[in-house]
Amino acid sequence: MALLAFLLEAVVISLSGVMAPGPITTVTIGKGTESPHAGAWVAIGHGIVEFPLMLFIFFGFGHLLSMPYAKAAISLLGGLFLVMMAVGMFRSVREIEASPSSYAHSPTIAGILLSLGNGYFLIWWATVGATLISRSTQFGMAGFLSFAFAHWSCDFLWDYFLSALSFKGGQFFGRRFQRVVFAICGAFLLFYSAKSILDAVQSLMT
């Protein structure tokens, strides 16, 4: 019963982070215009990074993620990558067919790269996530594994929901909807990239 209560609390906390707007949300919506299953593949790519990271923290190395130079490097590289993704989306807007296929990265690869280059994602795991993992260990390995799966399930279900919703909108509104979605997503990615690069510069100056 105590484990179930902890998992419920962990799910609520996880959803507060998962549902917050960010690069993964933006790309999931953009790729969702192509396939309703895109969000599932984004979540799988995210999980390829997230599960090893949880093990990394479980074995006591979470403090390395909060080191100033590590945070700055992650934020800088992540910001530059987001610029590239934004450019790809703006190019897709100009395509005659406005096909999301012209957006270079597959949903899985996008999920991996966005996770690796997302400073906020790593900082969340070094702080809030590390606390939850520490609490899960009181229930042994079963508690940790249950928490890991429950947390990633939040990512999976939310991303799947977003891509399915985006795909339905694309079916209803057609190509014009795709162009608008890609233009908006590109603009948001530029915003996130600028914020990420600025955070990296500020980290190095402090």
N, C-alpha and C. Protein backbone atom coordinates (compact mmCIF):
# COMPACT_ATOMS: atom_id res chain seq x y z
N MET A 1 0.83 -1.21 0.00
CA MET A 1 0.00 0.00 0.00
C MET A 1 0.87 1.26 0.00
N ALA A 2 1.94 1.23 0.79
CA ALA A 2 2.84 2.39 0.84
C ALA A 2 3.49 2.62 -0.51
N LEU A 3 3.85 1.53 -1.21
CA LEU A 3 4.46 1.65 -2.53
C LEU A 3 3.48 2.28 -3.51
N LEU A 4 2.22 1.87 -3.47
CA LEU A 4 1.21 2.42 -4.37
C LEU A 4 1.00 3.91 -4.11
N ALA A 5 1.01 4.30 -2.83
CA ALA A 5 0.85 5.71 -2.48
C ALA A 5 2.03 6.52 -3.02
N PHE A 6 3.23 5.97 -2.89
CA PHE A 6 4.42 6.66 -3.41
C PHE A 6 4.35 6.80 -4.93
N LEU A 7 3.96 5.72 -5.62
CA LEU A 7 3.88 5.75 -7.08
C LEU A 7 2.85 6.76 -7.57
N LEU A 8 1.74 6.86 -6.86
CA LEU A 8 0.71 7.84 -7.21
C LEU A 8 1.27 9.26 -7.09
N GLU A 9 1.98 9.51 -5.99
CA GLU A 9 2.60 10.82 -5.79
C GLU A 9 3.64 11.09 -6.89
N ALA A 10 4.43 10.06 -7.20
CA ALA A 10 5.47 10.21 -8.23
C ALA A 10 4.86 10.50 -9.59
N VAL A 11 3.74 9.87 -9.90
CA VAL A 11 3.07 10.10 -11.18
C VAL A 11 2.58 11.55 -11.28
N VAL A 12 2.00 12.06 -10.19
CA VAL A 12 1.51 13.44 -10.18
C VAL A 12 2.68 14.41 -10.39
N ILE A 13 3.78 14.18 -9.68
CA ILE A 13 4.95 15.04 -9.83
C ILE A 13 5.53 14.92 -11.23
N SER A 14 5.60 13.70 -11.75
CA SER A 14 6.13 13.46 -13.09
C SER A 14 5.29 14.17 -14.15
N LEU A 15 3.98 14.09 -14.02
CA LEU A 15 3.09 14.73 -15.00
C LEU A 15 3.27 16.24 -15.02
N SER A 16 3.57 16.82 -13.86
CA SER A 16 3.78 18.27 -13.81
C SER A 16 4.98 18.68 -14.65
N GLY A 17 5.97 17.80 -14.73
CA GLY A 17 7.13 18.07 -15.58
C GLY A 17 6.89 17.67 -17.02
N VAL A 18 6.26 16.52 -17.22
CA VAL A 18 6.01 15.99 -18.57
C VAL A 18 5.11 16.92 -19.37
N MET A 19 4.07 17.47 -18.72
CA MET A 19 3.09 18.28 -19.42
C MET A 19 3.51 19.73 -19.59
N ALA A 20 4.63 20.12 -18.98
CA ALA A 20 5.13 21.49 -19.15
C ALA A 20 5.61 21.68 -20.60
N PRO A 21 5.22 22.79 -21.26
CA PRO A 21 5.66 23.01 -22.64
C PRO A 21 7.18 23.04 -22.75
N GLY A 22 7.70 22.46 -23.81
CA GLY A 22 9.14 22.40 -24.03
C GLY A 22 9.44 21.89 -25.42
N PRO A 23 10.72 21.72 -25.74
CA PRO A 23 11.10 21.25 -27.08
C PRO A 23 10.50 19.91 -27.47
N ILE A 24 10.44 18.96 -26.52
CA ILE A 24 9.88 17.65 -26.86
C ILE A 24 8.39 17.77 -27.19
N THR A 25 7.67 18.57 -26.41
CA THR A 25 6.26 18.82 -26.70
C THR A 25 6.09 19.42 -28.09
N THR A 26 6.92 20.40 -28.39
CA THR A 26 6.84 21.11 -29.67
C THR A 26 7.08 20.16 -30.85
N VAL A 27 8.14 19.36 -30.76
CA VAL A 27 8.47 18.45 -31.85
C VAL A 27 7.43 17.33 -31.97
N THR A 28 6.91 16.87 -30.85
CA THR A 28 5.87 15.83 -30.87
C THR A 28 4.64 16.32 -31.63
N ILE A 29 4.24 17.55 -31.39
CA ILE A 29 3.09 18.11 -32.10
C ILE A 29 3.39 18.25 -33.59
N GLY A 30 4.61 18.72 -33.90
CA GLY A 30 4.99 18.88 -35.30
C GLY A 30 5.02 17.57 -36.04
N LYS A 31 5.64 16.56 -35.43
CA LYS A 31 5.71 15.25 -36.08
C LYS A 31 4.36 14.54 -36.08
N GLY A 32 3.50 14.93 -35.17
CA GLY A 32 2.17 14.33 -35.10
C GLY A 32 1.33 14.62 -36.32
N THR A 33 1.65 15.69 -37.06
CA THR A 33 0.89 15.96 -38.28
C THR A 33 1.13 14.89 -39.34
N GLU A 34 2.20 14.13 -39.18
CA GLU A 34 2.53 13.07 -40.13
C GLU A 34 1.96 11.72 -39.70
N SER A 35 2.02 11.44 -38.41
CA SER A 35 1.55 10.14 -37.91
C SER A 35 1.01 10.28 -36.49
N PRO A 36 -0.12 9.64 -36.20
CA PRO A 36 -0.65 9.70 -34.84
C PRO A 36 0.22 8.96 -33.83
N HIS A 37 1.12 8.09 -34.34
CA HIS A 37 1.99 7.30 -33.47
C HIS A 37 3.34 7.96 -33.22
N ALA A 38 3.56 9.15 -33.78
CA ALA A 38 4.86 9.81 -33.66
C ALA A 38 5.24 10.03 -32.20
N GLY A 39 4.26 10.38 -31.37
CA GLY A 39 4.55 10.64 -29.96
C GLY A 39 5.08 9.42 -29.25
N ALA A 40 4.59 8.24 -29.63
CA ALA A 40 5.09 7.00 -29.03
C ALA A 40 6.56 6.81 -29.33
N TRP A 41 6.95 7.11 -30.58
CA TRP A 41 8.35 6.95 -30.96
C TRP A 41 9.25 8.01 -30.34
N VAL A 42 8.71 9.23 -30.18
CA VAL A 42 9.46 10.27 -29.46
C VAL A 42 9.71 9.81 -28.03
N ALA A 43 8.68 9.24 -27.39
CA ALA A 43 8.81 8.77 -26.00
C ALA A 43 9.80 7.61 -25.90
N ILE A 44 9.84 6.76 -26.91
CA ILE A 44 10.81 5.65 -26.91
C ILE A 44 12.23 6.22 -27.00
N GLY A 45 12.43 7.20 -27.89
CA GLY A 45 13.74 7.84 -27.97
C GLY A 45 14.12 8.51 -26.66
N HIS A 46 13.14 9.15 -26.05
CA HIS A 46 13.35 9.78 -24.74
C HIS A 46 13.74 8.74 -23.69
N GLY A 47 13.05 7.60 -23.74
CA GLY A 47 13.34 6.53 -22.78
C GLY A 47 14.72 5.93 -22.95
N ILE A 48 15.23 5.91 -24.19
CA ILE A 48 16.58 5.39 -24.45
C ILE A 48 17.61 6.20 -23.68
N VAL A 49 17.32 7.48 -23.48
CA VAL A 49 18.21 8.33 -22.68
C VAL A 49 17.83 8.28 -21.21
N GLU A 50 16.53 8.26 -20.94
CA GLU A 50 16.04 8.42 -19.57
C GLU A 50 16.31 7.21 -18.67
N PHE A 51 16.13 6.00 -19.18
CA PHE A 51 16.34 4.83 -18.34
C PHE A 51 17.79 4.69 -17.87
N PRO A 52 18.79 4.83 -18.77
CA PRO A 52 20.18 4.80 -18.29
C PRO A 52 20.48 5.94 -17.31
N LEU A 53 19.86 7.11 -17.56
CA LEU A 53 20.07 8.25 -16.66
C LEU A 53 19.53 7.94 -15.26
N MET A 54 18.38 7.28 -15.19
CA MET A 54 17.83 6.91 -13.88
C MET A 54 18.75 5.92 -13.17
N LEU A 55 19.32 5.00 -13.91
CA LEU A 55 20.28 4.06 -13.32
C LEU A 55 21.53 4.80 -12.84
N PHE A 56 21.96 5.77 -13.63
CA PHE A 56 23.12 6.60 -13.29
C PHE A 56 22.90 7.29 -11.94
N ILE A 57 21.71 7.84 -11.75
CA ILE A 57 21.38 8.51 -10.49
C ILE A 57 21.20 7.49 -9.37
N PHE A 58 20.59 6.36 -9.69
CA PHE A 58 20.36 5.30 -8.71
C PHE A 58 21.66 4.84 -8.06
N PHE A 59 22.73 4.80 -8.87
CA PHE A 59 24.02 4.36 -8.36
C PHE A 59 24.87 5.50 -7.80
N GLY A 60 24.25 6.69 -7.64
CA GLY A 60 24.90 7.76 -6.88
C GLY A 60 25.68 8.79 -7.65
N PHE A 61 25.45 8.92 -8.96
CA PHE A 61 26.23 9.88 -9.74
C PHE A 61 25.41 11.10 -10.18
N GLY A 62 24.23 11.27 -9.60
CA GLY A 62 23.36 12.36 -10.00
C GLY A 62 23.95 13.74 -9.79
N HIS A 63 24.83 13.89 -8.78
CA HIS A 63 25.39 15.22 -8.49
C HIS A 63 26.23 15.76 -9.64
N LEU A 64 26.75 14.87 -10.50
CA LEU A 64 27.58 15.31 -11.62
C LEU A 64 26.78 16.16 -12.60
N LEU A 65 25.47 15.91 -12.69
CA LEU A 65 24.64 16.65 -13.64
C LEU A 65 24.46 18.11 -13.24
N SER A 66 24.60 18.40 -11.93
CA SER A 66 24.37 19.76 -11.46
C SER A 66 25.65 20.60 -11.42
N MET A 67 26.78 20.03 -11.87
CA MET A 67 28.02 20.80 -11.91
C MET A 67 27.90 21.93 -12.94
N PRO A 68 28.37 23.14 -12.60
CA PRO A 68 28.18 24.32 -13.48
C PRO A 68 28.63 24.10 -14.92
N TYR A 69 29.84 23.54 -15.11
CA TYR A 69 30.34 23.38 -16.48
C TYR A 69 29.55 22.33 -17.24
N ALA A 70 29.07 21.31 -16.54
CA ALA A 70 28.25 20.29 -17.20
C ALA A 70 26.93 20.90 -17.66
N LYS A 71 26.31 21.70 -16.79
CA LYS A 71 25.04 22.35 -17.15
C LYS A 71 25.23 23.30 -18.32
N ALA A 72 26.34 24.07 -18.30
CA ALA A 72 26.59 25.04 -19.37
C ALA A 72 26.81 24.34 -20.70
N ALA A 73 27.59 23.26 -20.69
CA ALA A 73 27.87 22.53 -21.93
C ALA A 73 26.60 21.93 -22.51
N ILE A 74 25.78 21.33 -21.65
CA ILE A 74 24.52 20.72 -22.10
C ILE A 74 23.59 21.78 -22.67
N SER A 75 23.48 22.92 -21.99
CA SER A 75 22.58 23.98 -22.44
C SER A 75 23.04 24.57 -23.77
N LEU A 76 24.36 24.73 -23.92
CA LEU A 76 24.89 25.31 -25.17
C LEU A 76 24.67 24.37 -26.34
N LEU A 77 25.04 23.10 -26.18
CA LEU A 77 24.86 22.13 -27.26
C LEU A 77 23.37 21.93 -27.57
N GLY A 78 22.56 21.88 -26.53
CA GLY A 78 21.12 21.74 -26.73
C GLY A 78 20.54 22.92 -27.48
N GLY A 79 20.99 24.13 -27.14
CA GLY A 79 20.51 25.33 -27.82
C GLY A 79 20.86 25.33 -29.30
N LEU A 80 22.10 24.94 -29.62
CA LEU A 80 22.53 24.89 -31.02
C LEU A 80 21.74 23.83 -31.80
N PHE A 81 21.47 22.70 -31.15
CA PHE A 81 20.70 21.65 -31.81
C PHE A 81 19.27 22.12 -32.08
N LEU A 82 18.69 22.87 -31.15
CA LEU A 82 17.34 23.37 -31.33
C LEU A 82 17.26 24.36 -32.50
N VAL A 83 18.33 25.14 -32.70
CA VAL A 83 18.38 26.03 -33.86
C VAL A 83 18.29 25.23 -35.15
N MET A 84 19.06 24.14 -35.22
CA MET A 84 19.03 23.28 -36.40
C MET A 84 17.63 22.69 -36.63
N MET A 85 16.97 22.28 -35.56
CA MET A 85 15.63 21.71 -35.69
C MET A 85 14.64 22.78 -36.15
N ALA A 86 14.78 23.99 -35.62
CA ALA A 86 13.88 25.08 -36.02
C ALA A 86 14.04 25.38 -37.51
N VAL A 87 15.28 25.42 -37.98
CA VAL A 87 15.54 25.67 -39.40
C VAL A 87 14.88 24.58 -40.25
N GLY A 88 14.99 23.32 -39.81
CA GLY A 88 14.37 22.21 -40.53
C GLY A 88 12.86 22.38 -40.62
N MET A 89 12.24 22.85 -39.54
CA MET A 89 10.80 23.04 -39.55
C MET A 89 10.39 24.20 -40.46
N PHE A 90 11.16 25.28 -40.44
CA PHE A 90 10.84 26.41 -41.31
C PHE A 90 10.99 26.02 -42.78
N ARG A 91 11.96 25.17 -43.09
CA ARG A 91 12.10 24.68 -44.46
C ARG A 91 10.89 23.85 -44.87
N SER A 92 10.35 23.09 -43.93
CA SER A 92 9.18 22.27 -44.22
C SER A 92 7.97 23.13 -44.56
N VAL A 93 7.88 24.31 -43.94
CA VAL A 93 6.77 25.22 -44.22
C VAL A 93 6.78 25.64 -45.67
N ARG A 94 7.97 25.80 -46.25
CA ARG A 94 8.09 26.28 -47.63
C ARG A 94 7.85 25.19 -48.66
N GLU A 95 7.87 23.92 -48.22
CA GLU A 95 7.63 22.84 -49.18
C GLU A 95 6.21 22.93 -49.74
N ILE A 96 6.07 22.64 -51.01
CA ILE A 96 4.76 22.73 -51.67
C ILE A 96 3.74 21.84 -50.98
N GLU A 97 4.17 20.62 -50.65
CA GLU A 97 3.26 19.67 -50.00
C GLU A 97 3.24 19.83 -48.49
N ALA A 98 4.13 20.69 -47.97
CA ALA A 98 4.23 20.89 -46.52
C ALA A 98 4.35 19.57 -45.79
N SER A 99 5.12 18.65 -46.34
CA SER A 99 5.21 17.30 -45.77
C SER A 99 6.17 17.27 -44.61
N PRO A 100 5.76 16.74 -43.45
CA PRO A 100 6.66 16.62 -42.31
C PRO A 100 7.85 15.72 -42.61
N SER A 101 7.78 14.93 -43.71
CA SER A 101 8.91 14.06 -44.05
C SER A 101 10.15 14.86 -44.37
N SER A 102 9.95 16.13 -44.76
CA SER A 102 11.11 16.96 -45.06
C SER A 102 11.83 17.39 -43.80
N TYR A 103 11.20 17.18 -42.65
CA TYR A 103 11.86 17.44 -41.37
C TYR A 103 12.76 16.26 -41.08
N ALA A 104 14.07 16.53 -41.02
CA ALA A 104 15.09 15.50 -41.16
C ALA A 104 15.02 14.35 -40.16
N HIS A 105 14.84 14.65 -38.89
CA HIS A 105 15.00 13.62 -37.87
C HIS A 105 13.73 12.78 -37.68
N SER A 106 13.92 11.47 -37.50
CA SER A 106 12.80 10.61 -37.17
C SER A 106 12.35 10.93 -35.75
N PRO A 107 11.11 10.58 -35.38
CA PRO A 107 10.65 10.87 -34.01
C PRO A 107 11.54 10.26 -32.94
N THR A 108 12.04 9.04 -33.17
CA THR A 108 12.89 8.39 -32.17
C THR A 108 14.21 9.13 -31.99
N ILE A 109 14.85 9.47 -33.12
CA ILE A 109 16.11 10.21 -33.06
C ILE A 109 15.90 11.57 -32.42
N ALA A 110 14.79 12.23 -32.78
CA ALA A 110 14.49 13.52 -32.17
C ALA A 110 14.33 13.39 -30.67
N GLY A 111 13.65 12.32 -30.22
CA GLY A 111 13.48 12.10 -28.78
C GLY A 111 14.80 11.91 -28.06
N ILE A 112 15.72 11.20 -28.71
CA ILE A 112 17.05 10.96 -28.13
C ILE A 112 17.84 12.26 -28.05
N LEU A 113 17.92 12.99 -29.17
CA LEU A 113 18.75 14.19 -29.23
C LEU A 113 18.19 15.31 -28.37
N LEU A 114 16.87 15.46 -28.37
CA LEU A 114 16.27 16.49 -27.53
C LEU A 114 16.50 16.22 -26.05
N SER A 115 16.48 14.96 -25.67
CA SER A 115 16.71 14.60 -24.26
C SER A 115 18.17 14.85 -23.88
N LEU A 116 19.09 14.46 -24.75
CA LEU A 116 20.51 14.64 -24.45
C LEU A 116 20.89 16.11 -24.36
N GLY A 117 20.23 16.94 -25.18
CA GLY A 117 20.60 18.35 -25.22
C GLY A 117 19.71 19.26 -24.39
N ASN A 118 18.86 18.68 -23.57
CA ASN A 118 17.92 19.48 -22.77
C ASN A 118 18.46 19.65 -21.35
N GLY A 119 19.01 20.83 -21.09
CA GLY A 119 19.58 21.10 -19.78
C GLY A 119 18.55 21.01 -18.67
N TYR A 120 17.32 21.47 -18.94
CA TYR A 120 16.29 21.46 -17.90
C TYR A 120 15.88 20.04 -17.54
N PHE A 121 15.84 19.18 -18.54
CA PHE A 121 15.53 17.77 -18.31
C PHE A 121 16.56 17.13 -17.37
N LEU A 122 17.84 17.39 -17.63
CA LEU A 122 18.89 16.80 -16.81
C LEU A 122 18.92 17.41 -15.41
N ILE A 123 18.68 18.71 -15.32
CA ILE A 123 18.65 19.37 -14.00
C ILE A 123 17.46 18.85 -13.18
N TRP A 124 16.32 18.62 -13.85
CA TRP A 124 15.15 18.07 -13.15
C TRP A 124 15.51 16.72 -12.53
N TRP A 125 16.24 15.89 -13.29
CA TRP A 125 16.62 14.59 -12.77
C TRP A 125 17.67 14.70 -11.67
N ALA A 126 18.52 15.71 -11.74
CA ALA A 126 19.54 15.89 -10.70
C ALA A 126 18.95 16.40 -9.40
N THR A 127 17.73 16.93 -9.45
CA THR A 127 17.11 17.50 -8.25
C THR A 127 15.84 16.73 -7.87
N VAL A 128 14.74 17.05 -8.54
CA VAL A 128 13.45 16.42 -8.22
C VAL A 128 13.50 14.91 -8.48
N GLY A 129 14.02 14.54 -9.66
CA GLY A 129 14.08 13.12 -10.00
C GLY A 129 14.95 12.33 -9.05
N ALA A 130 16.09 12.91 -8.66
CA ALA A 130 17.00 12.22 -7.74
C ALA A 130 16.33 11.98 -6.39
N THR A 131 15.53 12.95 -5.95
CA THR A 131 14.80 12.79 -4.69
C THR A 131 13.79 11.64 -4.78
N LEU A 132 13.08 11.58 -5.90
CA LEU A 132 12.10 10.51 -6.08
C LEU A 132 12.78 9.14 -6.16
N ILE A 133 13.91 9.08 -6.84
CA ILE A 133 14.65 7.82 -6.93
C ILE A 133 15.13 7.39 -5.55
N SER A 134 15.62 8.35 -4.77
CA SER A 134 16.08 8.05 -3.42
C SER A 134 14.94 7.48 -2.57
N ARG A 135 13.77 8.06 -2.71
CA ARG A 135 12.61 7.58 -1.95
C ARG A 135 12.16 6.20 -2.43
N SER A 136 12.32 5.95 -3.73
CA SER A 136 11.89 4.66 -4.27
C SER A 136 12.73 3.51 -3.74
N THR A 137 13.99 3.80 -3.34
CA THR A 137 14.89 2.74 -2.89
C THR A 137 14.47 2.12 -1.56
N GLN A 138 13.59 2.82 -0.82
CA GLN A 138 13.13 2.23 0.45
C GLN A 138 12.25 1.00 0.20
N PHE A 139 11.80 0.85 -1.06
CA PHE A 139 11.01 -0.32 -1.43
C PHE A 139 11.86 -1.33 -2.20
N GLY A 140 13.18 -1.12 -2.18
CA GLY A 140 14.09 -2.04 -2.85
C GLY A 140 14.14 -1.82 -4.35
N MET A 141 14.76 -2.76 -5.05
CA MET A 141 14.89 -2.67 -6.49
C MET A 141 13.52 -2.65 -7.17
N ALA A 142 12.57 -3.39 -6.62
CA ALA A 142 11.21 -3.41 -7.19
C ALA A 142 10.59 -2.01 -7.15
N GLY A 143 10.86 -1.27 -6.06
CA GLY A 143 10.34 0.09 -5.94
C GLY A 143 10.95 1.01 -6.98
N PHE A 144 12.26 0.90 -7.17
CA PHE A 144 12.95 1.72 -8.16
C PHE A 144 12.44 1.43 -9.57
N LEU A 145 12.35 0.13 -9.92
CA LEU A 145 11.90 -0.25 -11.26
C LEU A 145 10.45 0.17 -11.49
N SER A 146 9.62 0.06 -10.46
CA SER A 146 8.22 0.48 -10.59
C SER A 146 8.13 1.98 -10.83
N PHE A 147 8.94 2.73 -10.10
CA PHE A 147 8.96 4.18 -10.29
C PHE A 147 9.44 4.53 -11.70
N ALA A 148 10.53 3.90 -12.15
CA ALA A 148 11.09 4.19 -13.46
C ALA A 148 10.06 3.96 -14.56
N PHE A 149 9.36 2.84 -14.48
CA PHE A 149 8.35 2.52 -15.50
C PHE A 149 7.17 3.49 -15.41
N ALA A 150 6.73 3.81 -14.19
CA ALA A 150 5.59 4.72 -14.00
C ALA A 150 5.91 6.10 -14.56
N HIS A 151 7.13 6.57 -14.31
CA HIS A 151 7.51 7.89 -14.80
C HIS A 151 7.55 7.92 -16.32
N TRP A 152 8.21 6.92 -16.91
CA TRP A 152 8.31 6.91 -18.37
C TRP A 152 6.93 6.72 -19.02
N SER A 153 6.04 5.99 -18.37
CA SER A 153 4.68 5.81 -18.89
C SER A 153 3.97 7.16 -19.01
N CYS A 154 4.25 8.07 -18.10
CA CYS A 154 3.67 9.42 -18.19
C CYS A 154 4.13 10.10 -19.47
N ASP A 155 5.44 10.00 -19.75
CA ASP A 155 5.98 10.56 -21.00
C ASP A 155 5.29 9.93 -22.20
N PHE A 156 5.21 8.61 -22.20
CA PHE A 156 4.67 7.87 -23.33
C PHE A 156 3.21 8.25 -23.61
N LEU A 157 2.38 8.23 -22.58
CA LEU A 157 0.96 8.50 -22.76
C LEU A 157 0.71 9.95 -23.18
N TRP A 158 1.44 10.89 -22.58
CA TRP A 158 1.23 12.30 -22.92
C TRP A 158 1.69 12.60 -24.35
N ASP A 159 2.87 12.10 -24.73
CA ASP A 159 3.37 12.34 -26.09
C ASP A 159 2.48 11.68 -27.13
N TYR A 160 2.01 10.48 -26.82
CA TYR A 160 1.10 9.77 -27.74
C TYR A 160 -0.19 10.57 -27.92
N PHE A 161 -0.71 11.09 -26.83
CA PHE A 161 -1.93 11.90 -26.86
C PHE A 161 -1.73 13.15 -27.73
N LEU A 162 -0.60 13.83 -27.56
CA LEU A 162 -0.33 15.05 -28.32
C LEU A 162 -0.23 14.77 -29.82
N SER A 163 0.49 13.71 -30.18
CA SER A 163 0.66 13.41 -31.60
C SER A 163 -0.66 12.97 -32.23
N ALA A 164 -1.46 12.20 -31.50
CA ALA A 164 -2.76 11.77 -32.02
C ALA A 164 -3.67 12.98 -32.22
N LEU A 165 -3.63 13.92 -31.30
CA LEU A 165 -4.44 15.14 -31.40
C LEU A 165 -3.99 15.98 -32.59
N SER A 166 -2.69 16.09 -32.76
CA SER A 166 -2.14 16.86 -33.87
C SER A 166 -2.51 16.22 -35.21
N PHE A 167 -2.45 14.89 -35.26
CA PHE A 167 -2.78 14.18 -36.50
C PHE A 167 -4.25 14.38 -36.86
N LYS A 168 -5.12 14.32 -35.87
CA LYS A 168 -6.55 14.55 -36.12
C LYS A 168 -6.78 15.95 -36.68
N GLY A 169 -6.06 16.92 -36.10
CA GLY A 169 -6.19 18.29 -36.59
C GLY A 169 -5.70 18.41 -38.02
N GLY A 170 -4.61 17.69 -38.36
CA GLY A 170 -4.09 17.71 -39.71
C GLY A 170 -5.06 17.10 -40.70
N GLN A 171 -5.72 16.04 -40.27
CA GLN A 171 -6.71 15.39 -41.15
C GLN A 171 -7.90 16.32 -41.41
N PHE A 172 -8.28 17.05 -40.39
CA PHE A 172 -9.47 17.90 -40.50
C PHE A 172 -9.18 19.18 -41.28
N PHE A 173 -8.04 19.82 -40.98
CA PHE A 173 -7.73 21.12 -41.59
C PHE A 173 -6.83 21.03 -42.82
N GLY A 174 -6.18 19.87 -43.02
CA GLY A 174 -5.39 19.68 -44.23
C GLY A 174 -4.00 20.30 -44.17
N ARG A 175 -3.44 20.55 -45.38
CA ARG A 175 -2.05 21.01 -45.51
C ARG A 175 -1.80 22.37 -44.86
N ARG A 176 -2.80 23.21 -44.91
CA ARG A 176 -2.61 24.53 -44.31
C ARG A 176 -2.35 24.41 -42.82
N PHE A 177 -3.06 23.49 -42.18
CA PHE A 177 -2.84 23.25 -40.75
C PHE A 177 -1.40 22.81 -40.50
N GLN A 178 -0.87 21.94 -41.36
CA GLN A 178 0.51 21.48 -41.20
C GLN A 178 1.49 22.63 -41.31
N ARG A 179 1.26 23.51 -42.27
CA ARG A 179 2.16 24.66 -42.44
C ARG A 179 2.15 25.55 -41.19
N VAL A 180 0.94 25.80 -40.69
CA VAL A 180 0.81 26.65 -39.50
C VAL A 180 1.49 26.00 -38.30
N VAL A 181 1.26 24.69 -38.10
CA VAL A 181 1.87 23.97 -36.98
C VAL A 181 3.39 24.02 -37.06
N PHE A 182 3.93 23.78 -38.26
CA PHE A 182 5.38 23.79 -38.39
C PHE A 182 5.96 25.19 -38.19
N ALA A 183 5.26 26.22 -38.63
CA ALA A 183 5.73 27.59 -38.42
C ALA A 183 5.75 27.93 -36.93
N ILE A 184 4.68 27.55 -36.23
CA ILE A 184 4.59 27.83 -34.79
C ILE A 184 5.65 27.03 -34.03
N CYS A 185 5.80 25.75 -34.39
CA CYS A 185 6.80 24.91 -33.73
C CYS A 185 8.21 25.44 -33.96
N GLY A 186 8.49 25.89 -35.19
CA GLY A 186 9.80 26.45 -35.49
C GLY A 186 10.08 27.68 -34.65
N ALA A 187 9.07 28.53 -34.50
CA ALA A 187 9.23 29.74 -33.69
C ALA A 187 9.49 29.40 -32.22
N PHE A 188 8.75 28.43 -31.70
CA PHE A 188 8.96 28.03 -30.31
C PHE A 188 10.34 27.41 -30.11
N LEU A 189 10.80 26.62 -31.08
CA LEU A 189 12.13 26.02 -30.95
C LEU A 189 13.22 27.09 -30.96
N LEU A 190 13.03 28.15 -31.76
CA LEU A 190 13.99 29.25 -31.73
C LEU A 190 13.99 29.93 -30.37
N PHE A 191 12.81 30.08 -29.79
CA PHE A 191 12.71 30.67 -28.45
C PHE A 191 13.44 29.81 -27.42
N TYR A 192 13.19 28.49 -27.45
CA TYR A 192 13.85 27.59 -26.50
C TYR A 192 15.36 27.56 -26.72
N SER A 193 15.78 27.66 -27.98
CA SER A 193 17.22 27.63 -28.27
C SER A 193 17.90 28.88 -27.71
N ALA A 194 17.27 30.03 -27.91
CA ALA A 194 17.84 31.28 -27.40
C ALA A 194 17.94 31.25 -25.87
N LYS A 195 16.89 30.74 -25.24
CA LYS A 195 16.88 30.64 -23.77
C LYS A 195 17.97 29.68 -23.28
N SER A 196 18.13 28.57 -23.98
CA SER A 196 19.13 27.58 -23.59
C SER A 196 20.55 28.13 -23.72
N ILE A 197 20.82 28.81 -24.83
CA ILE A 197 22.15 29.39 -25.06
C ILE A 197 22.42 30.50 -24.05
N LEU A 198 21.42 31.33 -23.77
CA LEU A 198 21.57 32.39 -22.77
C LEU A 198 21.86 31.82 -21.39
N ASP A 199 21.18 30.75 -21.02
CA ASP A 199 21.44 30.09 -19.73
C ASP A 199 22.87 29.55 -19.67
N ALA A 200 23.36 29.03 -20.80
CA ALA A 200 24.73 28.51 -20.84
C ALA A 200 25.74 29.63 -20.62
N VAL A 201 25.51 30.76 -21.27
CA VAL A 201 26.42 31.91 -21.12
C VAL A 201 26.40 32.42 -19.69
N GLN A 202 25.20 32.52 -19.11
CA GLN A 202 25.09 33.01 -17.73
C GLN A 202 25.77 32.05 -16.74
N SER A 203 25.68 30.74 -17.01
CA SER A 203 26.31 29.76 -16.13
C SER A 203 27.83 29.92 -16.15
N LEU A 204 28.37 30.20 -17.33
CA LEU A 204 29.83 30.34 -17.46
C LEU A 204 30.32 31.65 -16.85
N MET A 205 29.45 32.64 -16.80
CA MET A 205 29.86 33.96 -16.28
C MET A 205 29.74 34.05 -14.77
N THR A 206 29.00 33.12 -14.15
CA THR A 206 28.80 33.19 -12.69
C THR A 206 29.84 32.35 -11.96
